[in-house]
Amino acid sequence: MTTPYTPPEIWTWDSESGGRFASINRPIAGLTHDKELPVGKHPFQLYSLATPNGVKVTVLFEELLAAGHADAEYDAWLIHIGDGDQFGSGFVEVNPNSKIPALMDRSGETPVRVFESGAILLHLAEKFGAFLGAPGDRPEMLSWLFWQMGSAPYLGGGFGHFYAYAPEKWQYPIDRFAMETKRQLDVLNRNLSERQFMTGADYTIADMAIWAWYGQLALGRLYSAGTFLDVDSYEHVQRWAREIDARPAVQRGRMVNRAFGEPETQLHERHDAADFDTRTQDKLAPDAS
């Protein structure tokens, strides 16, 4: 039997708590050190890591290029969030929230910063007029895009944290967030029972955003929780997840800014399409000596 927690009258930060991410979690914003961001040769400069939120954007970039939008060429720079790169002065200038991904759009006369993954997806899709679905389906597409933005924190910061990363496993938070994650999977499964993609026949940025989280969960790639959550039972989510996973642009997008997993799945930085075929050790591990 555990001792109930009684919240103090005023909460104070215990820097020793927080489990795996204690070193980078803090109750204040702002920079911790001076560090300028690199700038490459392409119109778009992406600063990211291949977590689900980062994968959304690199998948879209690769899909845009595959669809013939040559002006969507981009440089993708690796941000080591475990080392606190997101608190450097240059990154904070692009994203004051210190979260990946962050984008500098230098395609116009004046550089424009865009942060929050959903905002980046919408910005790029509107800029290129692609992956937005049919005009009449736009409200539905936006609804699912924002559904993902509001729902995924229950999967990641909720279930994922307490199931995989918390310093101790407690039944109540795991049960609470497992229940919510399964409810969300059921929402998706019911929708996809009648549609090829989230809004119908068109593959859109809503699919990319949702797939990065829930598709990869269904495919057993998040938190080693596939069996625990019985993800195989969501047959329509499984069909949709596998169909998107088979797209070559998605396979490339998953690799960009990936610094974990098997070496053949990683491309730490991406500056040219040829990087996928000619990955030198420097490109695979740019910080290696």
Protein backbone atom coordinates (compact mmCIF):
# COMPACT_ATOMS: atom_id res chain seq x y z
CA MET A 1 0.00 0.00 0.00
CA THR A 2 1.39 3.38 -0.96
CA THR A 3 1.31 6.55 1.08
CA PRO A 4 -1.07 9.14 -0.43
CA TYR A 5 0.57 12.30 -1.67
CA THR A 6 -0.60 15.51 -0.03
CA PRO A 7 0.15 18.51 -2.29
CA PRO A 8 1.93 21.37 -0.51
CA GLU A 9 0.27 24.75 -0.25
CA ILE A 10 2.83 26.14 -2.72
CA TRP A 11 4.58 23.81 -5.14
CA THR A 12 8.36 24.12 -5.42
CA TRP A 13 10.69 22.59 -7.96
CA ASP A 14 12.66 19.52 -6.90
CA SER A 15 15.35 19.36 -9.56
CA GLU A 16 16.16 15.78 -8.59
CA SER A 17 12.72 14.49 -9.59
CA GLY A 18 11.45 13.73 -13.07
CA GLY A 19 13.10 10.44 -13.95
CA ARG A 20 14.86 10.11 -17.28
CA PHE A 21 14.23 13.71 -18.36
CA ALA A 22 15.07 15.40 -15.06
CA SER A 23 18.10 17.12 -16.53
CA ILE A 24 16.10 19.03 -19.15
CA ASN A 25 12.73 19.55 -17.43
CA ARG A 26 12.33 22.80 -15.53
CA PRO A 27 9.51 25.17 -14.60
CA ILE A 28 10.97 28.21 -16.37
CA ALA A 29 11.51 29.15 -20.01
CA GLY A 30 14.35 30.94 -21.78
CA LEU A 31 17.89 30.20 -22.82
CA THR A 32 20.56 28.59 -20.68
CA HIS A 33 23.56 29.23 -22.92
CA ASP A 34 24.69 31.02 -26.05
CA LYS A 35 24.73 28.86 -29.16
CA GLU A 36 23.97 30.00 -32.67
CA LEU A 37 22.14 27.71 -35.05
CA PRO A 38 23.78 26.58 -38.30
CA VAL A 39 22.26 27.70 -41.59
CA GLY A 40 22.49 25.64 -44.76
CA LYS A 41 21.93 26.40 -48.43
CA HIS A 42 18.23 25.58 -48.81
CA PRO A 43 15.13 27.77 -48.37
CA PHE A 44 13.99 25.86 -45.29
CA GLN A 45 16.08 25.29 -42.18
CA LEU A 46 14.68 22.64 -39.86
CA TYR A 47 16.01 22.09 -36.34
CA SER A 48 14.66 18.85 -34.99
CA LEU A 49 14.94 15.30 -33.71
CA ALA A 50 13.10 12.22 -35.01
CA THR A 51 10.60 11.97 -32.19
CA PRO A 52 7.00 11.69 -33.42
CA ASN A 53 6.63 15.47 -33.52
CA GLY A 54 9.79 15.82 -35.56
CA VAL A 55 8.87 12.96 -37.90
CA LYS A 56 5.65 14.73 -38.88
CA VAL A 57 7.60 17.54 -40.51
CA THR A 58 10.36 15.54 -42.20
CA VAL A 59 7.72 13.22 -43.67
CA LEU A 60 5.91 16.23 -45.12
CA PHE A 61 9.11 17.66 -46.58
CA GLU A 62 9.94 14.33 -48.23
CA GLU A 63 6.37 13.96 -49.52
CA LEU A 64 6.49 17.47 -51.00
CA LEU A 65 9.75 16.71 -52.78
CA ALA A 66 8.42 13.36 -54.02
CA ALA A 67 5.38 15.17 -55.40
CA GLY A 68 7.61 17.42 -57.48
CA HIS A 69 7.82 20.54 -55.30
CA ALA A 70 11.53 21.19 -55.86
CA ASP A 71 11.34 24.46 -53.90
CA ALA A 72 10.69 22.43 -50.74
CA GLU A 73 14.36 21.47 -50.42
CA TYR A 74 15.51 21.74 -46.83
CA ASP A 75 18.40 21.37 -44.43
CA ALA A 76 17.61 19.33 -41.33
CA TRP A 77 19.88 19.93 -38.34
CA LEU A 78 19.97 17.57 -35.39
CA ILE A 79 18.95 18.98 -32.01
CA HIS A 80 20.16 16.87 -29.09
CA ILE A 81 17.37 17.50 -26.60
CA GLY A 82 19.01 15.28 -24.01
CA ASP A 83 21.98 17.65 -24.06
CA GLY A 84 19.80 20.74 -23.81
CA ASP A 85 20.40 22.07 -27.35
CA GLN A 86 16.84 23.41 -27.34
CA PHE A 87 17.83 25.91 -24.65
CA GLY A 88 20.58 27.51 -26.73
CA SER A 89 20.12 31.15 -27.68
CA GLY A 90 19.71 30.46 -31.38
CA PHE A 91 17.06 27.80 -30.88
CA VAL A 92 15.10 29.89 -28.39
CA GLU A 93 15.00 32.68 -30.97
CA VAL A 94 13.26 30.30 -33.38
CA ASN A 95 11.07 28.65 -30.76
CA PRO A 96 10.60 30.42 -27.43
CA ASN A 97 8.90 27.25 -26.17
CA SER A 98 12.18 25.28 -26.54
CA LYS A 99 10.58 22.24 -28.17
CA ILE A 100 11.39 20.50 -31.43
CA PRO A 101 10.69 20.87 -34.27
CA ALA A 102 11.41 24.47 -35.17
CA LEU A 103 11.59 25.90 -38.68
CA MET A 104 13.09 28.98 -40.28
CA ASP A 105 11.45 29.69 -43.62
CA ARG A 106 13.99 31.68 -45.65
CA SER A 107 12.15 31.35 -48.94
CA GLY A 108 11.02 34.99 -48.92
CA GLU A 109 12.72 38.33 -48.48
CA THR A 110 12.35 38.18 -44.70
CA PRO A 111 13.01 34.95 -42.76
CA VAL A 112 9.96 33.69 -40.90
CA ARG A 113 10.04 31.44 -37.84
CA VAL A 114 7.43 28.72 -37.40
CA PHE A 115 7.18 26.56 -34.31
CA GLU A 116 4.79 23.86 -33.10
CA SER A 117 4.61 20.87 -35.43
CA GLY A 118 0.98 21.40 -36.46
CA ALA A 119 1.69 25.01 -37.39
CA ILE A 120 4.70 23.93 -39.45
CA LEU A 121 2.63 21.32 -41.30
CA LEU A 122 -0.11 23.81 -42.08
CA HIS A 123 2.37 26.52 -43.09
CA LEU A 124 4.16 24.27 -45.57
CA ALA A 125 1.02 22.63 -46.94
CA GLU A 126 -0.58 26.00 -47.60
CA LYS A 127 2.63 27.41 -49.09
CA PHE A 128 2.81 24.60 -51.64
CA GLY A 129 -0.92 23.96 -51.98
CA ALA A 130 -0.41 20.27 -51.25
CA PHE A 131 -1.71 17.58 -48.90
CA LEU A 132 -4.63 19.71 -47.75
CA GLY A 133 -7.32 17.47 -49.23
CA ALA A 134 -10.31 18.55 -51.24
CA PRO A 135 -11.51 22.12 -50.48
CA GLY A 136 -14.83 20.82 -49.19
CA ASP A 137 -13.00 18.53 -46.75
CA ARG A 138 -10.82 21.29 -45.29
CA PRO A 139 -12.83 21.64 -42.03
CA GLU A 140 -12.66 17.86 -41.52
CA MET A 141 -8.93 17.81 -42.22
CA LEU A 142 -8.29 20.65 -39.79
CA SER A 143 -10.44 18.96 -37.17
CA TRP A 144 -8.34 15.79 -37.33
CA LEU A 145 -5.09 17.77 -37.39
CA PHE A 146 -6.08 19.61 -34.24
CA TRP A 147 -7.43 16.38 -32.74
CA GLN A 148 -3.90 15.02 -32.94
CA MET A 149 -2.38 18.12 -31.37
CA GLY A 150 -4.78 17.90 -28.44
CA SER A 151 -4.80 14.13 -28.03
CA ALA A 152 -1.16 13.08 -28.38
CA PRO A 153 -0.03 14.61 -25.06
CA TYR A 154 -2.18 12.00 -23.32
CA LEU A 155 -0.30 9.33 -25.26
CA GLY A 156 3.19 10.81 -24.94
CA GLY A 157 3.41 12.88 -21.79
CA GLY A 158 0.71 10.76 -20.13
CA PHE A 159 0.89 7.08 -21.02
CA GLY A 160 4.41 7.08 -22.46
CA HIS A 161 5.89 8.89 -19.49
CA PHE A 162 4.33 6.83 -16.75
CA TYR A 163 4.62 3.49 -18.58
CA ALA A 164 8.14 3.86 -19.97
CA TYR A 165 10.04 6.75 -18.37
CA ALA A 166 8.85 7.53 -14.86
CA PRO A 167 11.34 6.56 -12.13
CA GLU A 168 8.68 4.34 -10.55
CA LYS A 169 5.68 2.60 -12.08
CA TRP A 170 2.38 3.43 -10.40
CA GLN A 171 -0.85 1.68 -11.35
CA TYR A 172 -3.19 4.66 -11.23
CA PRO A 173 -1.50 6.91 -13.84
CA ILE A 174 -0.69 3.94 -16.09
CA ASP A 175 -4.29 2.69 -15.96
CA ARG A 176 -5.66 6.19 -16.46
CA PHE A 177 -3.57 7.00 -19.52
CA ALA A 178 -3.72 3.50 -20.99
CA MET A 179 -7.51 3.80 -20.90
CA GLU A 180 -7.38 7.16 -22.67
CA THR A 181 -4.87 5.94 -25.28
CA LYS A 182 -7.09 2.96 -26.08
CA ARG A 183 -10.12 5.25 -26.33
CA GLN A 184 -8.19 7.37 -28.84
CA LEU A 185 -7.22 4.28 -30.85
CA ASP A 186 -10.88 3.33 -30.92
CA VAL A 187 -11.79 6.80 -32.22
CA LEU A 188 -9.30 6.32 -35.05
CA ASN A 189 -10.38 2.76 -35.73
CA ARG A 190 -14.02 3.73 -36.10
CA ASN A 191 -13.18 6.60 -38.44
CA LEU A 192 -10.84 4.49 -40.57
CA SER A 193 -13.38 1.67 -40.84
CA GLU A 194 -15.17 3.82 -43.41
CA ARG A 195 -12.28 5.78 -44.95
CA GLN A 196 -8.96 5.00 -46.58
CA PHE A 197 -7.37 8.02 -44.92
CA MET A 198 -8.50 10.28 -42.10
CA THR A 199 -10.70 12.50 -44.26
CA GLY A 200 -11.54 10.03 -47.03
CA ALA A 201 -9.67 9.25 -50.23
CA ASP A 202 -7.08 12.03 -49.85
CA TYR A 203 -3.82 11.60 -47.97
CA THR A 204 -3.28 14.83 -46.02
CA ILE A 205 -1.17 16.45 -43.34
CA ALA A 206 -3.71 15.15 -40.82
CA ASP A 207 -2.67 11.61 -41.73
CA MET A 208 1.01 12.51 -41.42
CA ALA A 209 0.51 14.10 -38.00
CA ILE A 210 -1.59 11.26 -36.61
CA TRP A 211 0.54 8.52 -38.16
CA ALA A 212 3.71 9.87 -36.54
CA TRP A 213 2.18 9.12 -33.15
CA TYR A 214 -0.61 6.57 -33.47
CA GLY A 215 0.57 4.81 -36.62
CA GLN A 216 3.96 4.19 -35.09
CA LEU A 217 2.29 3.08 -31.87
CA ALA A 218 0.19 0.61 -33.86
CA LEU A 219 3.35 -0.67 -35.59
CA GLY A 220 5.01 -1.34 -32.23
CA ARG A 221 7.54 1.47 -32.35
CA LEU A 222 6.55 3.53 -29.30
CA TYR A 223 7.29 2.67 -25.69
CA SER A 224 7.42 -1.11 -26.39
CA ALA A 225 3.74 -1.00 -25.50
CA GLY A 226 2.14 -2.78 -28.45
CA THR A 227 1.25 -5.95 -26.56
CA PHE A 228 0.23 -4.07 -23.41
CA LEU A 229 -2.23 -1.93 -25.39
CA ASP A 230 -3.28 -4.78 -27.71
CA VAL A 231 -2.66 -2.58 -30.73
CA ASP A 232 -3.17 -5.45 -33.18
CA SER A 233 -6.87 -5.48 -32.32
CA TYR A 234 -7.41 -2.12 -34.05
CA GLU A 235 -7.58 -3.62 -37.53
CA HIS A 236 -8.44 -0.46 -39.45
CA VAL A 237 -5.70 1.53 -37.74
CA GLN A 238 -3.31 -1.30 -38.59
CA ARG A 239 -4.29 -1.25 -42.28
CA TRP A 240 -3.90 2.54 -42.46
CA ALA A 241 -0.61 2.54 -40.52
CA ARG A 242 0.95 -0.08 -42.77
CA GLU A 243 -0.21 1.67 -45.94
CA ILE A 244 1.40 4.95 -44.90
CA ASP A 245 4.51 3.21 -43.58
CA ALA A 246 5.10 1.69 -47.03
CA ARG A 247 5.37 5.09 -48.73
CA PRO A 248 9.01 5.77 -49.74
CA ALA A 249 8.79 9.42 -48.62
CA VAL A 250 7.61 8.30 -45.18
CA GLN A 251 10.48 5.85 -44.91
CA ARG A 252 12.93 8.63 -45.73
CA GLY A 253 11.23 11.09 -43.39
CA ARG A 254 11.51 8.65 -40.49
CA MET A 255 15.28 8.54 -40.90
CA VAL A 256 15.96 12.28 -40.87
CA ASN A 257 17.37 13.59 -37.57
CA ARG A 258 17.18 10.10 -36.13
CA ALA A 259 20.02 9.49 -33.68
CA PHE A 260 18.83 6.27 -32.07
CA GLY A 261 17.94 2.74 -33.13
CA GLU A 262 19.76 0.65 -35.71
CA PRO A 263 22.43 2.60 -37.66
CA GLU A 264 20.75 1.87 -40.99
CA THR A 265 17.63 3.72 -39.79
CA GLN A 266 19.54 6.91 -38.96
CA LEU A 267 20.39 10.04 -40.91
CA HIS A 268 21.50 12.57 -38.32
CA GLU A 269 21.48 15.51 -40.70
CA ARG A 270 19.92 15.92 -44.12
CA HIS A 271 21.21 18.54 -46.56
CA ASP A 272 20.56 16.88 -49.91
CA ALA A 273 18.44 14.06 -51.30
CA ALA A 274 21.63 12.15 -52.07
CA ASP A 275 22.35 11.91 -48.34
CA PHE A 276 20.02 8.91 -48.14
CA ASP A 277 22.15 7.01 -50.66
CA THR A 278 25.64 8.23 -49.77
CA ARG A 279 25.61 8.29 -46.00
CA THR A 280 29.20 8.71 -44.90
CA GLN A 281 30.11 8.21 -41.27
CA ASP A 282 30.09 11.99 -40.88
CA LYS A 283 26.51 12.19 -42.10
CA LEU A 284 25.50 9.29 -39.89
CA ALA A 285 27.22 10.66 -36.82
CA PRO A 286 28.32 14.28 -37.38
CA ASP A 287 29.67 14.62 -33.85
CA ALA A 288 31.90 11.57 -34.06
CA SER A 289 35.62 12.15 -33.81
